[in-house]
C-alpha atoms as a PDB file:
ATOM      1  CA  MET A   1       1.205  -8.202  18.122  1.00  0.00           C
ATOM      2  CA  THR A   2       4.691  -6.733  17.831  1.00  0.00           C
ATOM      3  CA  VAL A   3       5.740  -4.537  14.918  1.00  0.00           C
ATOM      4  CA  ARG A   4       7.899  -7.383  13.551  1.00  0.00           C
ATOM      5  CA  GLU A   5       4.973  -9.838  13.784  1.00  0.00           C
ATOM      6  CA  CYS A   6       2.718  -7.303  12.085  1.00  0.00           C
ATOM      7  CA  TYR A   7       5.187  -6.987   9.213  1.00  0.00           C
ATOM      8  CA  GLU A   8       5.512 -10.778   8.941  1.00  0.00           C
ATOM      9  CA  GLN A   9       1.736 -11.170   8.805  1.00  0.00           C
ATOM     10  CA  MET A  10       1.354  -8.659   5.971  1.00  0.00           C
ATOM     11  CA  GLY A  11       4.294 -10.079   4.017  1.00  0.00           C
ATOM     12  CA  ALA A  12       6.414  -6.970   4.518  1.00  0.00           C
ATOM     13  CA  ASP A  13      10.138  -6.291   4.773  1.00  0.00           C
ATOM     14  CA  TYR A  14      10.675  -5.488   8.459  1.00  0.00           C
ATOM     15  CA  GLU A  15      14.476  -5.724   8.306  1.00  0.00           C
ATOM     16  CA  GLY A  16      14.660  -3.465   5.261  1.00  0.00           C
ATOM     17  CA  VAL A  17      12.495  -0.740   6.771  1.00  0.00           C
ATOM     18  CA  LEU A  18      14.326  -1.049  10.096  1.00  0.00           C
ATOM     19  CA  GLY A  19      17.568  -0.495   8.197  1.00  0.00           C
ATOM     20  CA  ARG A  20      16.145   2.715   6.715  1.00  0.00           C
ATOM     21  CA  LEU A  21      14.250   4.126   9.682  1.00  0.00           C
ATOM     22  CA  ARG A  22      16.586   2.720  12.388  1.00  0.00           C
ATOM     23  CA  SER A  23      13.835   2.640  15.010  1.00  0.00           C
ATOM     24  CA  GLU A  24      10.874   0.379  15.717  1.00  0.00           C
ATOM     25  CA  VAL A  25       9.125   3.398  17.238  1.00  0.00           C
ATOM     26  CA  LEU A  26       9.379   5.228  13.892  1.00  0.00           C
ATOM     27  CA  ILE A  27       8.251   2.162  11.952  1.00  0.00           C
ATOM     28  CA  LYS A  28       5.166   1.888  14.145  1.00  0.00           C
ATOM     29  CA  LYS A  29       4.481   5.630  13.875  1.00  0.00           C
ATOM     30  CA  PHE A  30       4.623   5.614  10.068  1.00  0.00           C
ATOM     31  CA  ALA A  31       2.721   2.330   9.758  1.00  0.00           C
ATOM     32  CA  LYS A  32      -0.092   3.780  11.895  1.00  0.00           C
ATOM     33  CA  LYS A  33      -0.048   6.977   9.783  1.00  0.00           C
ATOM     34  CA  PHE A  34      -0.588   4.787   6.720  1.00  0.00           C
ATOM     35  CA  LEU A  35      -4.122   4.170   7.988  1.00  0.00           C
ATOM     36  CA  ASP A  36      -4.871   7.850   7.234  1.00  0.00           C
ATOM     37  CA  ASP A  37      -3.396   7.747   3.713  1.00  0.00           C
ATOM     38  CA  GLY A  38      -6.138   8.335   1.143  1.00  0.00           C
ATOM     39  CA  SER A  39      -4.331   6.886  -1.891  1.00  0.00           C
ATOM     40  CA  PHE A  40      -6.189   3.573  -1.938  1.00  0.00           C
ATOM     41  CA  ARG A  41      -9.619   5.216  -1.644  1.00  0.00           C
ATOM     42  CA  SER A  42      -8.653   7.700  -4.359  1.00  0.00           C
ATOM     43  CA  LEU A  43      -7.506   4.862  -6.614  1.00  0.00           C
ATOM     44  CA  LYS A  44     -10.824   3.023  -6.202  1.00  0.00           C
ATOM     45  CA  ASP A  45     -12.923   6.165  -6.662  1.00  0.00           C
ATOM     46  CA  ASN A  46     -11.037   7.356  -9.735  1.00  0.00           C
ATOM     47  CA  LEU A  47     -11.124   3.928 -11.374  1.00  0.00           C
ATOM     48  CA  ALA A  48     -14.885   3.847 -10.809  1.00  0.00           C
ATOM     49  CA  GLN A  49     -15.110   7.269 -12.476  1.00  0.00           C
ATOM     50  CA  LYS A  50     -12.758   6.147 -15.297  1.00  0.00           C
ATOM     51  CA  ASN A  51     -10.395   9.008 -14.436  1.00  0.00           C
ATOM     52  CA  GLY A  52      -7.103   7.535 -15.626  1.00  0.00           C
ATOM     53  CA  GLU A  53      -4.965  10.540 -14.717  1.00  0.00           C
ATOM     54  CA  GLU A  54      -6.047  10.662 -11.067  1.00  0.00           C
ATOM     55  CA  ALA A  55      -6.166   6.854 -10.770  1.00  0.00           C
ATOM     56  CA  PHE A  56      -2.553   6.710 -11.986  1.00  0.00           C
ATOM     57  CA  ARG A  57      -1.534   9.424  -9.520  1.00  0.00           C
ATOM     58  CA  ALA A  58      -3.212   7.580  -6.620  1.00  0.00           C
ATOM     59  CA  ALA A  59      -1.668   4.223  -7.606  1.00  0.00           C
ATOM     60  CA  HIS A  60       1.764   5.813  -7.970  1.00  0.00           C
ATOM     61  CA  THR A  61       1.472   7.479  -4.550  1.00  0.00           C
ATOM     62  CA  LEU A  62       0.311   4.239  -2.924  1.00  0.00           C
ATOM     63  CA  LYS A  63       3.206   2.376  -4.544  1.00  0.00           C
ATOM     64  CA  GLY A  64       5.733   4.901  -3.212  1.00  0.00           C
ATOM     65  CA  VAL A  65       4.358   4.877   0.316  1.00  0.00           C
ATOM     66  CA  CYS A  66       4.413   1.065   0.347  1.00  0.00           C
ATOM     67  CA  GLN A  67       7.966   0.997  -0.934  1.00  0.00           C
ATOM     68  CA  ASN A  68       9.099   3.416   1.785  1.00  0.00           C
ATOM     69  CA  LEU A  69       7.344   1.434   4.515  1.00  0.00           C
ATOM     70  CA  GLY A  70       8.506  -1.969   3.261  1.00  0.00           C
ATOM     71  CA  PHE A  71       4.937  -3.183   2.615  1.00  0.00           C
ATOM     72  CA  ASP A  72       6.208  -5.585  -0.058  1.00  0.00           C
ATOM     73  CA  ASN A  73       3.000  -7.438  -0.931  1.00  0.00           C
ATOM     74  CA  LEU A  74       0.974  -4.245  -1.274  1.00  0.00           C
ATOM     75  CA  TYR A  75       3.878  -2.599  -3.100  1.00  0.00           C
ATOM     76  CA  LYS A  76       3.930  -5.386  -5.716  1.00  0.00           C
ATOM     77  CA  ALA A  77       0.184  -5.129  -6.308  1.00  0.00           C
ATOM     78  CA  SER A  78       0.266  -1.324  -6.501  1.00  0.00           C
ATOM     79  CA  PHE A  79       3.315  -1.463  -8.804  1.00  0.00           C
ATOM     80  CA  ASP A  80       1.370  -3.664 -11.246  1.00  0.00           C
ATOM     81  CA  ILE A  81      -1.667  -1.389 -11.361  1.00  0.00           C
ATOM     82  CA  THR A  82       0.563   1.711 -11.618  1.00  0.00           C
ATOM     83  CA  GLU A  83       2.229   0.240 -14.695  1.00  0.00           C
ATOM     84  CA  LYS A  84      -1.181  -0.649 -16.197  1.00  0.00           C
ATOM     85  CA  LEU A  85      -2.388   2.914 -15.587  1.00  0.00           C
ATOM     86  CA  ARG A  86       0.778   4.560 -16.900  1.00  0.00           C
ATOM     87  CA  GLY A  87      -1.030   5.123 -20.216  1.00  0.00           C
ATOM     88  CA  ARG A  88      -3.999   6.535 -18.238  1.00  0.00           C
ATOM     89  CA  ASP A  89      -6.341   3.817 -19.592  1.00  0.00           C
ATOM     90  CA  THR A  90      -8.606   2.427 -16.868  1.00  0.00           C
ATOM     91  CA  GLU A  91      -9.960  -0.461 -18.980  1.00  0.00           C
ATOM     92  CA  GLY A  92      -9.053  -3.905 -17.684  1.00  0.00           C
ATOM     93  CA  CYS A  93      -7.950  -2.817 -14.210  1.00  0.00           C
ATOM     94  CA  GLU A  94     -10.555  -4.811 -12.286  1.00  0.00           C
ATOM     95  CA  GLU A  95      -8.353  -7.832 -11.575  1.00  0.00           C
ATOM     96  CA  LEU A  96      -5.373  -5.670 -10.622  1.00  0.00           C
ATOM     97  CA  LEU A  97      -7.548  -3.544  -8.338  1.00  0.00           C
ATOM     98  CA  ALA A  98      -8.851  -6.719  -6.658  1.00  0.00           C
ATOM     99  CA  LYS A  99      -5.245  -7.732  -5.893  1.00  0.00           C
ATOM    100  CA  VAL A 100      -4.453  -4.264  -4.542  1.00  0.00           C
ATOM    101  CA  GLU A 101      -7.585  -4.327  -2.393  1.00  0.00           C
ATOM    102  CA  GLU A 102      -6.764  -7.775  -0.994  1.00  0.00           C
ATOM    103  CA  GLN A 103      -3.238  -6.719  -0.037  1.00  0.00           C
ATOM    104  CA  TYR A 104      -4.444  -3.347   1.246  1.00  0.00           C
ATOM    105  CA  ASN A 105      -6.933  -5.060   3.547  1.00  0.00           C
ATOM    106  CA  ASN A 106      -4.275  -7.535   4.768  1.00  0.00           C
ATOM    107  CA  THR A 107      -1.910  -4.638   5.477  1.00  0.00           C
ATOM    108  CA  VAL A 108      -4.513  -2.520   7.288  1.00  0.00           C
ATOM    109  CA  ASP A 109      -5.727  -5.517   9.324  1.00  0.00           C
ATOM    110  CA  ALA A 110      -2.156  -6.278  10.442  1.00  0.00           C
ATOM    111  CA  ILE A 111      -1.528  -2.624  11.374  1.00  0.00           C
ATOM    112  CA  HIS A 112      -4.713  -2.581  13.450  1.00  0.00           C
ATOM    113  CA  MET A 113      -3.395  -5.596  15.413  1.00  0.00           C
ATOM    114  CA  MET A 114      -0.110  -3.839  16.210  1.00  0.00           C
ATOM    115  CA  GLU A 115       0.346  -3.240  19.921  1.00  0.00           C
ATOM    116  CA  ASP A 116       0.055   0.359  21.071  1.00  0.00           C
END
């Protein structure tokens, strides 16, 4: 699967990120690096531990990375949970986390299908 096809599959903004990074090689490099980003795992772990401060930090980081990489669907989901966690209250985040997890999995699956 090409980088463009990968971005289309995950509902991401290929043209926007290409405009910023100017190179498909760089897009692929940073998309593959996303697989090593620990923000999503940290978000899940800290929500489970009811640690609102660290959950907010992880959600905010995930949101920023997604914005930079043009991962629009995951960005929208992480934006929503970031706003919910802004007050550091973890109550009622289950549905938002489920949306983040769904989009995270779609994004990671698409990246794994990207041609090397």
